[in-house]
Amino acid sequence: MKDIKRVGVLTSGGDAPGMNAALRAVVRTAIYNGLEPFAIYDGYKGIVEGDIRAIGARDVSNIIQRGGTILKSARCEEFHTRKGREKAAKNLLEKGIDGLIVIGGDGSFCGANIFSKEFNIPIGIPGTIDNDLYGTDYTIGFDTAVNTVVEAVDKIRDTASAHNRLFFVEVMGRDAGCIALQSAVASGAEAVLIPEVETHFYELEEYLNSELKSHKNSGIVIVAEGEKHGGAYQIAEKIGKDYPEYDIRVTILGHIQRGGSPTSYDRVVASRLGVASIEALIDGKKSVMVGIVNSDIVHVPFEKAIKNSEEIPTYLLDINKILSI
């Protein structure tokens, strides 16, 4: 197998706290191993348009604590076409880049998977707050997003208690309920609605009819944005009609969950995965995502990472139900 000499790195899709920490690890691990790192700006758009520049160890100083991504991220319709990917491959070839690290989520890995089949070069690092990629216990940004939600809900609970209100708090996660479930337990929410469990909405109504009415005068319900019964506003509207005795409010946390300085855990995860991605390239791995399972580094084929569903820890629903009495 041909030795890797030059490595490109890009961030793609939605930004996640810790992406900069992963970039730092990729660049410095590449240099440590005698490779030349290149930064690709604006995701796949940067490969297609040739926005590829050499990057050094000092260029990634003082970024481990920064949210977002200094490489930026952008959509690129041209990369969806064979012609666009050929143009991207040509730009990499002209720079002498024979290895590519993609930091992103499900959509980014779909692009990496196709590109890898055609040109056989990418390695993936899971960077998404949704924590919805198969084959890894954690994705970069998830821990920070959960902590952001918990901090916000703690503040919302203060005003909920002061005014005897029932708050529906909508959190991000696309079609996954990982953020909702984890933050519900961590914040002591009275109930949580996630897309993975269809019947839980009716358990909420049961709870409103019993526990909340009997001895609580305020409450927090965490709603995942992909919940099948609709978003927080739709669910709150229905509950308001069926239970007019409740003073209901809705808070959509939105993109504050993407921003902010990454937690120490996200920084460590990002650093481990960044190092592992370069080591995977050196070891001749292709078309795989590096992940963490039971604290160990694993290599998961792109096909598995994007086509399988990560099993959500539904036991947390039982824990939340027990602790919300």
C-alpha atoms as a PDB file:
ATOM      1  CA  MET A   1       0.000   0.000   0.000  1.00  0.00           C
ATOM      2  CA  LYS A   2       1.170   3.528  -0.806  1.00  0.00           C
ATOM      3  CA  ASP A   3       2.344   5.470   2.266  1.00  0.00           C
ATOM      4  CA  ILE A   4       0.258   8.460   3.319  1.00  0.00           C
ATOM      5  CA  LYS A   5       2.216  11.709   3.070  1.00  0.00           C
ATOM      6  CA  ARG A   6      -0.324  14.522   3.003  1.00  0.00           C
ATOM      7  CA  VAL A   7      -3.624  14.641   4.892  1.00  0.00           C
ATOM      8  CA  GLY A   8      -6.577  16.950   4.327  1.00  0.00           C
ATOM      9  CA  VAL A   9      -9.115  17.678   7.067  1.00  0.00           C
ATOM     10  CA  LEU A  10     -12.541  19.303   6.867  1.00  0.00           C
ATOM     11  CA  THR A  11     -15.588  19.893   9.053  1.00  0.00           C
ATOM     12  CA  SER A  12     -18.999  19.335   7.507  1.00  0.00           C
ATOM     13  CA  GLY A  13     -22.679  19.571   8.375  1.00  0.00           C
ATOM     14  CA  GLY A  14     -23.939  21.212  11.544  1.00  0.00           C
ATOM     15  CA  ASP A  15     -21.227  22.543  13.828  1.00  0.00           C
ATOM     16  CA  ALA A  16     -20.662  20.836  17.168  1.00  0.00           C
ATOM     17  CA  PRO A  17     -18.637  21.959  20.207  1.00  0.00           C
ATOM     18  CA  GLY A  18     -15.376  20.041  20.107  1.00  0.00           C
ATOM     19  CA  MET A  19     -14.824  20.123  16.358  1.00  0.00           C
ATOM     20  CA  ASN A  20     -11.922  22.522  16.866  1.00  0.00           C
ATOM     21  CA  ALA A  21     -10.428  20.203  19.470  1.00  0.00           C
ATOM     22  CA  ALA A  22     -10.639  17.341  16.955  1.00  0.00           C
ATOM     23  CA  LEU A  23      -9.028  19.502  14.254  1.00  0.00           C
ATOM     24  CA  ARG A  24      -6.188  20.385  16.621  1.00  0.00           C
ATOM     25  CA  ALA A  25      -5.607  16.705  17.363  1.00  0.00           C
ATOM     26  CA  VAL A  26      -5.643  15.751  13.673  1.00  0.00           C
ATOM     27  CA  VAL A  27      -3.151  18.446  12.696  1.00  0.00           C
ATOM     28  CA  ARG A  28      -0.701  17.836  15.521  1.00  0.00           C
ATOM     29  CA  THR A  29      -0.891  14.035  15.284  1.00  0.00           C
ATOM     30  CA  ALA A  30      -0.235  14.247  11.553  1.00  0.00           C
ATOM     31  CA  ILE A  31       2.841  16.412  12.139  1.00  0.00           C
ATOM     32  CA  TYR A  32       4.027  14.141  14.978  1.00  0.00           C
ATOM     33  CA  ASN A  33       3.947  11.230  12.540  1.00  0.00           C
ATOM     34  CA  GLY A  34       5.789  13.060   9.782  1.00  0.00           C
ATOM     35  CA  LEU A  35       2.716  13.861   7.658  1.00  0.00           C
ATOM     36  CA  GLU A  36       1.788  17.202   6.131  1.00  0.00           C
ATOM     37  CA  PRO A  37      -1.685  18.419   7.157  1.00  0.00           C
ATOM     38  CA  PHE A  38      -3.900  20.586   4.945  1.00  0.00           C
ATOM     39  CA  ALA A  39      -6.998  22.479   6.054  1.00  0.00           C
ATOM     40  CA  ILE A  40     -10.045  22.397   3.757  1.00  0.00           C
ATOM     41  CA  TYR A  41     -12.402  25.322   4.325  1.00  0.00           C
ATOM     42  CA  ASP A  42     -16.217  25.292   4.042  1.00  0.00           C
ATOM     43  CA  GLY A  43     -16.576  21.516   4.070  1.00  0.00           C
ATOM     44  CA  TYR A  44     -17.057  19.657   0.798  1.00  0.00           C
ATOM     45  CA  LYS A  45     -17.512  23.000  -0.926  1.00  0.00           C
ATOM     46  CA  GLY A  46     -13.877  23.723  -0.132  1.00  0.00           C
ATOM     47  CA  ILE A  47     -12.698  20.553  -1.882  1.00  0.00           C
ATOM     48  CA  VAL A  48     -14.773  21.303  -4.972  1.00  0.00           C
ATOM     49  CA  GLU A  49     -13.627  24.931  -5.114  1.00  0.00           C
ATOM     50  CA  GLY A  50     -10.037  24.168  -4.141  1.00  0.00           C
ATOM     51  CA  ASP A  51      -9.953  26.149  -0.890  1.00  0.00           C
ATOM     52  CA  ILE A  52      -7.206  23.934   0.516  1.00  0.00           C
ATOM     53  CA  ARG A  53      -4.294  25.355   2.513  1.00  0.00           C
ATOM     54  CA  ALA A  54      -1.353  23.972   4.459  1.00  0.00           C
ATOM     55  CA  ILE A  55      -1.875  24.189   8.222  1.00  0.00           C
ATOM     56  CA  GLY A  56       0.688  23.956  11.018  1.00  0.00           C
ATOM     57  CA  ALA A  57       0.803  23.142  14.715  1.00  0.00           C
ATOM     58  CA  ARG A  58       0.720  26.822  15.721  1.00  0.00           C
ATOM     59  CA  ASP A  59      -2.311  27.460  13.488  1.00  0.00           C
ATOM     60  CA  VAL A  60      -4.380  25.290  15.830  1.00  0.00           C
ATOM     61  CA  SER A  61      -3.133  26.898  19.049  1.00  0.00           C
ATOM     62  CA  ASN A  62      -5.752  28.291  21.417  1.00  0.00           C
ATOM     63  CA  ILE A  63      -8.717  26.625  19.699  1.00  0.00           C
ATOM     64  CA  ILE A  64      -9.379  23.598  21.926  1.00  0.00           C
ATOM     65  CA  GLN A  65     -11.754  25.690  24.068  1.00  0.00           C
ATOM     66  CA  ARG A  66     -13.623  27.300  21.160  1.00  0.00           C
ATOM     67  CA  GLY A  67     -17.043  26.224  19.952  1.00  0.00           C
ATOM     68  CA  GLY A  68     -18.054  26.145  16.292  1.00  0.00           C
ATOM     69  CA  THR A  69     -15.392  25.324  13.716  1.00  0.00           C
ATOM     70  CA  ILE A  70     -12.577  27.565  12.481  1.00  0.00           C
ATOM     71  CA  LEU A  71     -12.680  25.682   9.159  1.00  0.00           C
ATOM     72  CA  LYS A  72     -16.340  26.683   8.667  1.00  0.00           C
ATOM     73  CA  SER A  73     -19.038  24.472   7.167  1.00  0.00           C
ATOM     74  CA  ALA A  74     -21.239  24.931   4.116  1.00  0.00           C
ATOM     75  CA  ARG A  75     -23.672  23.042   1.905  1.00  0.00           C
ATOM     76  CA  CYS A  76     -22.400  21.954  -1.502  1.00  0.00           C
ATOM     77  CA  GLU A  77     -24.924  20.754  -4.072  1.00  0.00           C
ATOM     78  CA  GLU A  78     -22.140  20.267  -6.616  1.00  0.00           C
ATOM     79  CA  PHE A  79     -20.525  17.584  -4.446  1.00  0.00           C
ATOM     80  CA  HIS A  80     -23.751  15.565  -4.793  1.00  0.00           C
ATOM     81  CA  THR A  81     -22.917  15.071  -8.468  1.00  0.00           C
ATOM     82  CA  ARG A  82     -20.288  12.749  -9.945  1.00  0.00           C
ATOM     83  CA  LYS A  83     -18.807  15.683 -11.848  1.00  0.00           C
ATOM     84  CA  GLY A  84     -18.448  17.689  -8.634  1.00  0.00           C
ATOM     85  CA  ARG A  85     -16.743  14.808  -6.832  1.00  0.00           C
ATOM     86  CA  GLU A  86     -14.353  14.325  -9.755  1.00  0.00           C
ATOM     87  CA  LYS A  87     -13.450  18.003  -9.471  1.00  0.00           C
ATOM     88  CA  ALA A  88     -12.903  17.554  -5.726  1.00  0.00           C
ATOM     89  CA  ALA A  89     -10.671  14.511  -6.258  1.00  0.00           C
ATOM     90  CA  LYS A  90      -8.647  16.435  -8.866  1.00  0.00           C
ATOM     91  CA  ASN A  91      -8.083  19.310  -6.428  1.00  0.00           C
ATOM     92  CA  LEU A  92      -6.846  16.890  -3.769  1.00  0.00           C
ATOM     93  CA  LEU A  93      -4.581  15.176  -6.290  1.00  0.00           C
ATOM     94  CA  GLU A  94      -3.065  18.487  -7.394  1.00  0.00           C
ATOM     95  CA  LYS A  95      -2.159  19.214  -3.766  1.00  0.00           C
ATOM     96  CA  GLY A  96      -0.702  15.729  -3.359  1.00  0.00           C
ATOM     97  CA  ILE A  97      -3.244  14.878  -0.658  1.00  0.00           C
ATOM     98  CA  ASP A  98      -3.657  11.124  -0.301  1.00  0.00           C
ATOM     99  CA  GLY A  99      -5.613  10.989   2.975  1.00  0.00           C
ATOM    100  CA  LEU A 100      -8.793  12.808   4.036  1.00  0.00           C
ATOM    101  CA  ILE A 101     -10.358  13.252   7.486  1.00  0.00           C
ATOM    102  CA  VAL A 102     -14.049  14.245   7.567  1.00  0.00           C
ATOM    103  CA  ILE A 103     -15.388  15.571  10.880  1.00  0.00           C
ATOM    104  CA  GLY A 104     -19.184  15.533  10.787  1.00  0.00           C
ATOM    105  CA  GLY A 105     -22.410  13.631  11.217  1.00  0.00           C
ATOM    106  CA  ASP A 106     -24.722  11.353   9.274  1.00  0.00           C
ATOM    107  CA  GLY A 107     -25.094  13.533   6.159  1.00  0.00           C
ATOM    108  CA  SER A 108     -21.360  14.228   6.032  1.00  0.00           C
ATOM    109  CA  PHE A 109     -20.593  10.526   6.230  1.00  0.00           C
ATOM    110  CA  CYS A 110     -23.062   9.748   3.440  1.00  0.00           C
ATOM    111  CA  GLY A 111     -20.967  12.040   1.223  1.00  0.00           C
ATOM    112  CA  ALA A 112     -17.737  10.542   2.558  1.00  0.00           C
ATOM    113  CA  ASN A 113     -19.033   7.031   1.882  1.00  0.00           C
ATOM    114  CA  ILE A 114     -19.782   7.804  -1.785  1.00  0.00           C
ATOM    115  CA  PHE A 115     -16.495   9.684  -2.214  1.00  0.00           C
ATOM    116  CA  SER A 116     -14.626   6.809  -0.610  1.00  0.00           C
ATOM    117  CA  LYS A 117     -16.143   4.230  -2.957  1.00  0.00           C
ATOM    118  CA  GLU A 118     -15.099   6.309  -5.945  1.00  0.00           C
ATOM    119  CA  PHE A 119     -11.690   7.518  -4.784  1.00  0.00           C
ATOM    120  CA  ASN A 120     -10.958   5.414  -1.669  1.00  0.00           C
ATOM    121  CA  ILE A 121      -9.582   7.998   0.751  1.00  0.00           C
ATOM    122  CA  PRO A 122     -11.770   9.310   3.629  1.00  0.00           C
ATOM    123  CA  ILE A 123     -11.714   8.505   7.343  1.00  0.00           C
ATOM    124  CA  GLY A 124     -14.565   9.887   9.464  1.00  0.00           C
ATOM    125  CA  ILE A 125     -14.659  11.470  12.922  1.00  0.00           C
ATOM    126  CA  PRO A 126     -18.186  11.609  14.409  1.00  0.00           C
ATOM    127  CA  GLY A 127     -18.989  15.237  15.173  1.00  0.00           C
ATOM    128  CA  THR A 128     -22.676  15.914  15.859  1.00  0.00           C
ATOM    129  CA  ILE A 129     -24.605  16.991  18.940  1.00  0.00           C
ATOM    130  CA  ASP A 130     -27.340  14.458  18.076  1.00  0.00           C
ATOM    131  CA  ASN A 131     -25.289  11.397  19.136  1.00  0.00           C
ATOM    132  CA  ASP A 132     -27.160   9.388  16.501  1.00  0.00           C
ATOM    133  CA  LEU A 133     -24.364   7.568  14.651  1.00  0.00           C
ATOM    134  CA  TYR A 134     -24.241   3.801  14.863  1.00  0.00           C
ATOM    135  CA  GLY A 135     -21.082   2.223  16.240  1.00  0.00           C
ATOM    136  CA  THR A 136     -19.938   4.848  18.752  1.00  0.00           C
ATOM    137  CA  ASP A 137     -21.117   5.546  22.300  1.00  0.00           C
ATOM    138  CA  TYR A 138     -20.498   9.277  21.945  1.00  0.00           C
ATOM    139  CA  THR A 139     -20.220  11.828  19.184  1.00  0.00           C
ATOM    140  CA  ILE A 140     -18.337  15.092  19.549  1.00  0.00           C
ATOM    141  CA  GLY A 141     -20.590  17.862  20.878  1.00  0.00           C
ATOM    142  CA  PHE A 142     -23.229  15.692  22.545  1.00  0.00           C
ATOM    143  CA  ASP A 143     -22.011  16.179  26.106  1.00  0.00           C
ATOM    144  CA  THR A 144     -21.782  19.949  25.690  1.00  0.00           C
ATOM    145  CA  ALA A 145     -25.280  20.139  24.179  1.00  0.00           C
ATOM    146  CA  VAL A 146     -26.757  18.157  27.075  1.00  0.00           C
ATOM    147  CA  ASN A 147     -25.035  20.395  29.609  1.00  0.00           C
ATOM    148  CA  THR A 148     -26.374  23.476  27.806  1.00  0.00           C
ATOM    149  CA  VAL A 149     -29.913  22.085  28.013  1.00  0.00           C
ATOM    150  CA  VAL A 150     -29.553  21.213  31.691  1.00  0.00           C
ATOM    151  CA  GLU A 151     -28.289  24.696  32.534  1.00  0.00           C
ATOM    152  CA  ALA A 152     -31.224  26.261  30.678  1.00  0.00           C
ATOM    153  CA  VAL A 153     -33.810  23.950  32.263  1.00  0.00           C
ATOM    154  CA  ASP A 154     -32.453  24.686  35.741  1.00  0.00           C
ATOM    155  CA  LYS A 155     -33.213  28.363  35.105  1.00  0.00           C
ATOM    156  CA  ILE A 156     -36.610  27.636  33.565  1.00  0.00           C
ATOM    157  CA  ARG A 157     -37.560  25.566  36.613  1.00  0.00           C
ATOM    158  CA  ASP A 158     -37.003  28.604  38.840  1.00  0.00           C
ATOM    159  CA  THR A 159     -39.634  30.614  36.991  1.00  0.00           C
ATOM    160  CA  ALA A 160     -41.919  27.588  36.587  1.00  0.00           C
ATOM    161  CA  SER A 161     -41.963  27.137  40.357  1.00  0.00           C
ATOM    162  CA  ALA A 162     -42.469  30.854  41.000  1.00  0.00           C
ATOM    163  CA  HIS A 163     -45.590  31.007  38.803  1.00  0.00           C
ATOM    164  CA  ASN A 164     -46.970  27.455  39.110  1.00  0.00           C
ATOM    165  CA  ARG A 165     -46.462  26.775  35.423  1.00  0.00           C
ATOM    166  CA  LEU A 166     -46.012  23.723  33.236  1.00  0.00           C
ATOM    167  CA  PHE A 167     -43.164  24.268  30.770  1.00  0.00           C
ATOM    168  CA  PHE A 168     -42.635  22.339  27.540  1.00  0.00           C
ATOM    169  CA  VAL A 169     -38.974  22.672  26.573  1.00  0.00           C
ATOM    170  CA  GLU A 170     -38.033  21.623  23.033  1.00  0.00           C
ATOM    171  CA  VAL A 171     -34.480  20.416  22.444  1.00  0.00           C
ATOM    172  CA  MET A 172     -32.569  19.519  19.298  1.00  0.00           C
ATOM    173  CA  GLY A 173     -31.624  16.081  18.036  1.00  0.00           C
ATOM    174  CA  ARG A 174     -33.289  15.845  14.625  1.00  0.00           C
ATOM    175  CA  ASP A 175     -34.850  12.349  14.581  1.00  0.00           C
ATOM    176  CA  ALA A 176     -33.055  11.154  17.716  1.00  0.00           C
ATOM    177  CA  GLY A 177     -34.090  11.607  21.320  1.00  0.00           C
ATOM    178  CA  CYS A 178     -30.632  11.272  22.893  1.00  0.00           C
ATOM    179  CA  ILE A 179     -30.316  14.892  24.025  1.00  0.00           C
ATOM    180  CA  ALA A 180     -33.887  14.944  25.330  1.00  0.00           C
ATOM    181  CA  LEU A 181     -33.538  11.719  27.264  1.00  0.00           C
ATOM    182  CA  GLN A 182     -30.184  12.465  28.856  1.00  0.00           C
ATOM    183  CA  SER A 183     -31.072  16.046  29.763  1.00  0.00           C
ATOM    184  CA  ALA A 184     -34.455  15.012  31.189  1.00  0.00           C
ATOM    185  CA  VAL A 185     -32.818  12.711  33.728  1.00  0.00           C
ATOM    186  CA  ALA A 186     -30.031  15.192  34.488  1.00  0.00           C
ATOM    187  CA  SER A 187     -32.431  18.122  35.034  1.00  0.00           C
ATOM    188  CA  GLY A 188     -35.083  16.173  36.956  1.00  0.00           C
ATOM    189  CA  ALA A 189     -37.772  16.782  34.329  1.00  0.00           C
ATOM    190  CA  GLU A 190     -41.226  15.469  35.143  1.00  0.00           C
ATOM    191  CA  ALA A 191     -41.613  13.889  31.703  1.00  0.00           C
ATOM    192  CA  VAL A 192     -39.835  13.465  28.372  1.00  0.00           C
ATOM    193  CA  LEU A 193     -41.129  12.856  24.843  1.00  0.00           C
ATOM    194  CA  ILE A 194     -38.842  11.235  22.263  1.00  0.00           C
ATOM    195  CA  PRO A 195     -39.508   9.969  18.712  1.00  0.00           C
ATOM    196  CA  GLU A 196     -38.231   6.464  19.488  1.00  0.00           C
ATOM    197  CA  VAL A 197     -41.093   5.666  21.905  1.00  0.00           C
ATOM    198  CA  GLU A 198     -44.556   6.127  20.410  1.00  0.00           C
ATOM    199  CA  THR A 199     -46.632   5.427  23.536  1.00  0.00           C
ATOM    200  CA  HIS A 200     -44.867   7.828  25.857  1.00  0.00           C
ATOM    201  CA  PHE A 201     -47.191  10.710  24.946  1.00  0.00           C
ATOM    202  CA  TYR A 202     -50.063   8.849  26.565  1.00  0.00           C
ATOM    203  CA  GLU A 203     -47.965   8.233  29.649  1.00  0.00           C
ATOM    204  CA  LEU A 204     -47.567  12.018  29.849  1.00  0.00           C
ATOM    205  CA  GLU A 205     -51.336  12.434  29.936  1.00  0.00           C
ATOM    206  CA  GLU A 206     -51.552   9.764  32.615  1.00  0.00           C
ATOM    207  CA  TYR A 207     -48.935  11.621  34.620  1.00  0.00           C
ATOM    208  CA  LEU A 208     -50.788  14.919  34.274  1.00  0.00           C
ATOM    209  CA  ASN A 209     -53.948  13.248  35.529  1.00  0.00           C
ATOM    210  CA  SER A 210     -52.287  11.771  38.565  1.00  0.00           C
ATOM    211  CA  GLU A 211     -48.930  12.821  39.940  1.00  0.00           C
ATOM    212  CA  LEU A 212     -48.772  16.453  38.842  1.00  0.00           C
ATOM    213  CA  LYS A 213     -52.347  17.176  39.878  1.00  0.00           C
ATOM    214  CA  SER A 214     -52.006  15.503  43.235  1.00  0.00           C
ATOM    215  CA  HIS A 215     -48.930  17.113  44.719  1.00  0.00           C
ATOM    216  CA  LYS A 216     -47.027  19.283  42.219  1.00  0.00           C
ATOM    217  CA  ASN A 217     -47.837  22.813  41.149  1.00  0.00           C
ATOM    218  CA  SER A 218     -45.253  23.142  38.381  1.00  0.00           C
ATOM    219  CA  GLY A 219     -43.397  20.912  36.005  1.00  0.00           C
ATOM    220  CA  ILE A 220     -40.942  20.509  33.123  1.00  0.00           C
ATOM    221  CA  VAL A 221     -41.584  18.367  30.055  1.00  0.00           C
ATOM    222  CA  ILE A 222     -38.634  17.857  27.696  1.00  0.00           C
ATOM    223  CA  VAL A 223     -39.670  17.386  24.050  1.00  0.00           C
ATOM    224  CA  ALA A 224     -37.315  16.128  21.333  1.00  0.00           C
ATOM    225  CA  GLU A 225     -37.752  18.158  18.137  1.00  0.00           C
ATOM    226  CA  GLY A 226     -38.414  14.973  16.140  1.00  0.00           C
ATOM    227  CA  GLU A 227     -41.224  13.794  18.419  1.00  0.00           C
ATOM    228  CA  LYS A 228     -43.926  12.124  16.316  1.00  0.00           C
ATOM    229  CA  HIS A 229     -46.814  14.077  17.862  1.00  0.00           C
ATOM    230  CA  GLY A 230     -45.302  17.381  16.764  1.00  0.00           C
ATOM    231  CA  GLY A 231     -43.014  19.964  18.295  1.00  0.00           C
ATOM    232  CA  ALA A 232     -43.368  21.502  21.735  1.00  0.00           C
ATOM    233  CA  TYR A 233     -45.888  24.120  20.553  1.00  0.00           C
ATOM    234  CA  GLN A 234     -48.198  21.520  19.005  1.00  0.00           C
ATOM    235  CA  ILE A 235     -48.050  19.262  22.048  1.00  0.00           C
ATOM    236  CA  ALA A 236     -48.513  22.161  24.464  1.00  0.00           C
ATOM    237  CA  GLU A 237     -51.542  23.341  22.466  1.00  0.00           C
ATOM    238  CA  LYS A 238     -53.155  19.911  22.709  1.00  0.00           C
ATOM    239  CA  ILE A 239     -52.429  19.602  26.421  1.00  0.00           C
ATOM    240  CA  GLY A 240     -53.744  23.125  26.968  1.00  0.00           C
ATOM    241  CA  LYS A 241     -57.092  22.193  25.387  1.00  0.00           C
ATOM    242  CA  ASP A 242     -57.394  18.937  27.293  1.00  0.00           C
ATOM    243  CA  TYR A 243     -56.144  20.347  30.602  1.00  0.00           C
ATOM    244  CA  PRO A 244     -57.141  24.029  30.801  1.00  0.00           C
ATOM    245  CA  GLU A 245     -56.284  24.099  34.502  1.00  0.00           C
ATOM    246  CA  TYR A 246     -52.563  24.234  33.670  1.00  0.00           C
ATOM    247  CA  ASP A 247     -50.740  27.511  33.005  1.00  0.00           C
ATOM    248  CA  ILE A 248     -48.591  26.331  30.087  1.00  0.00           C
ATOM    249  CA  ARG A 249     -45.486  27.899  28.565  1.00  0.00           C
ATOM    250  CA  VAL A 250     -43.178  26.763  25.759  1.00  0.00           C
ATOM    251  CA  THR A 251     -39.443  27.332  25.344  1.00  0.00           C
ATOM    252  CA  ILE A 252     -37.539  26.358  22.187  1.00  0.00           C
ATOM    253  CA  LEU A 253     -33.857  26.193  23.069  1.00  0.00           C
ATOM    254  CA  GLY A 254     -32.737  25.998  19.447  1.00  0.00           C
ATOM    255  CA  HIS A 255     -29.205  26.717  18.326  1.00  0.00           C
ATOM    256  CA  ILE A 256     -27.792  27.681  21.718  1.00  0.00           C
ATOM    257  CA  GLN A 257     -27.266  23.911  22.002  1.00  0.00           C
ATOM    258  CA  ARG A 258     -24.739  24.009  19.152  1.00  0.00           C
ATOM    259  CA  GLY A 259     -22.652  26.849  20.537  1.00  0.00           C
ATOM    260  CA  GLY A 260     -20.409  27.477  23.484  1.00  0.00           C
ATOM    261  CA  SER A 261     -17.145  26.176  24.808  1.00  0.00           C
ATOM    262  CA  PRO A 262     -16.966  22.355  24.742  1.00  0.00           C
ATOM    263  CA  THR A 263     -17.000  20.479  28.042  1.00  0.00           C
ATOM    264  CA  SER A 264     -13.845  18.765  29.223  1.00  0.00           C
ATOM    265  CA  TYR A 265     -15.364  15.431  28.217  1.00  0.00           C
ATOM    266  CA  ASP A 266     -16.009  16.601  24.658  1.00  0.00           C
ATOM    267  CA  ARG A 267     -12.456  17.935  24.452  1.00  0.00           C
ATOM    268  CA  VAL A 268     -11.033  14.589  25.554  1.00  0.00           C
ATOM    269  CA  VAL A 269     -13.286  12.600  23.180  1.00  0.00           C
ATOM    270  CA  ALA A 270     -12.417  14.911  20.285  1.00  0.00           C
ATOM    271  CA  SER A 271      -8.696  14.655  21.042  1.00  0.00           C
ATOM    272  CA  ARG A 272      -8.818  10.850  21.231  1.00  0.00           C
ATOM    273  CA  LEU A 273     -10.746  10.562  17.966  1.00  0.00           C
ATOM    274  CA  GLY A 274      -8.488  13.054  16.207  1.00  0.00           C
ATOM    275  CA  VAL A 275      -5.391  11.050  17.137  1.00  0.00           C
ATOM    276  CA  ALA A 276      -7.157   7.773  16.222  1.00  0.00           C
ATOM    277  CA  SER A 277      -8.127   9.076  12.772  1.00  0.00           C
ATOM    278  CA  ILE A 278      -4.513   9.720  11.768  1.00  0.00           C
ATOM    279  CA  GLU A 279      -3.415   6.395  13.228  1.00  0.00           C
ATOM    280  CA  ALA A 280      -6.159   4.686  11.203  1.00  0.00           C
ATOM    281  CA  LEU A 281      -4.873   6.289   8.000  1.00  0.00           C
ATOM    282  CA  ILE A 282      -1.307   5.249   8.778  1.00  0.00           C
ATOM    283  CA  ASP A 283      -2.535   1.690   9.434  1.00  0.00           C
ATOM    284  CA  GLY A 284      -4.142   1.598   5.995  1.00  0.00           C
ATOM    285  CA  LYS A 285      -7.783   1.928   7.093  1.00  0.00           C
ATOM    286  CA  LYS A 286     -10.202   3.302   4.491  1.00  0.00           C
ATOM    287  CA  SER A 287     -13.890   4.195   4.463  1.00  0.00           C
ATOM    288  CA  VAL A 288     -14.312   3.928   8.230  1.00  0.00           C
ATOM    289  CA  MET A 289     -15.488   6.085  11.100  1.00  0.00           C
ATOM    290  CA  VAL A 290     -13.397   6.085  14.255  1.00  0.00           C
ATOM    291  CA  GLY A 291     -15.582   5.806  17.333  1.00  0.00           C
ATOM    292  CA  ILE A 292     -15.526   5.014  21.040  1.00  0.00           C
ATOM    293  CA  VAL A 293     -17.245   1.949  22.518  1.00  0.00           C
ATOM    294  CA  ASN A 294     -16.784   1.121  26.209  1.00  0.00           C
ATOM    295  CA  SER A 295     -13.900   3.629  26.281  1.00  0.00           C
ATOM    296  CA  ASP A 296     -12.050   1.787  23.485  1.00  0.00           C
ATOM    297  CA  ILE A 297     -11.335   3.136  19.996  1.00  0.00           C
ATOM    298  CA  VAL A 298     -13.198   1.243  17.264  1.00  0.00           C
ATOM    299  CA  HIS A 299     -13.331   1.410  13.459  1.00  0.00           C
ATOM    300  CA  VAL A 300     -16.809   1.272  11.932  1.00  0.00           C
ATOM    301  CA  PRO A 301     -17.367   1.040   8.153  1.00  0.00           C
ATOM    302  CA  PHE A 302     -19.247   4.071   6.795  1.00  0.00           C
ATOM    303  CA  GLU A 303     -21.942   1.743   5.464  1.00  0.00           C
ATOM    304  CA  LYS A 304     -22.750   0.556   8.990  1.00  0.00           C
ATOM    305  CA  ALA A 305     -22.437   3.973  10.635  1.00  0.00           C
ATOM    306  CA  ILE A 306     -24.986   5.626   8.325  1.00  0.00           C
ATOM    307  CA  LYS A 307     -27.390   2.760   7.551  1.00  0.00           C
ATOM    308  CA  ASN A 308     -27.923   1.369  11.045  1.00  0.00           C
ATOM    309  CA  SER A 309     -29.796   3.064  13.859  1.00  0.00           C
ATOM    310  CA  GLU A 310     -28.045   3.656  17.146  1.00  0.00           C
ATOM    311  CA  GLU A 311     -30.023   2.017  19.938  1.00  0.00           C
ATOM    312  CA  ILE A 312     -31.221   4.651  22.371  1.00  0.00           C
ATOM    313  CA  PRO A 313     -30.862   3.909  26.116  1.00  0.00           C
ATOM    314  CA  THR A 314     -34.593   3.634  26.763  1.00  0.00           C
ATOM    315  CA  TYR A 315     -33.905   2.411  30.298  1.00  0.00           C
ATOM    316  CA  LEU A 316     -33.449   6.107  31.060  1.00  0.00           C
ATOM    317  CA  LEU A 317     -37.189   6.508  30.455  1.00  0.00           C
ATOM    318  CA  ASP A 318     -37.866   4.126  33.334  1.00  0.00           C
ATOM    319  CA  ILE A 319     -35.358   5.936  35.511  1.00  0.00           C
ATOM    320  CA  ASN A 320     -36.971   9.291  34.731  1.00  0.00           C
ATOM    321  CA  LYS A 321     -40.435   7.917  35.498  1.00  0.00           C
ATOM    322  CA  ILE A 322     -39.275   6.503  38.839  1.00  0.00           C
ATOM    323  CA  LEU A 323     -37.524   9.707  39.882  1.00  0.00           C
ATOM    324  CA  SER A 324     -40.261  12.127  38.818  1.00  0.00           C
ATOM    325  CA  ILE A 325     -42.831  11.052  41.434  1.00  0.00           C
END
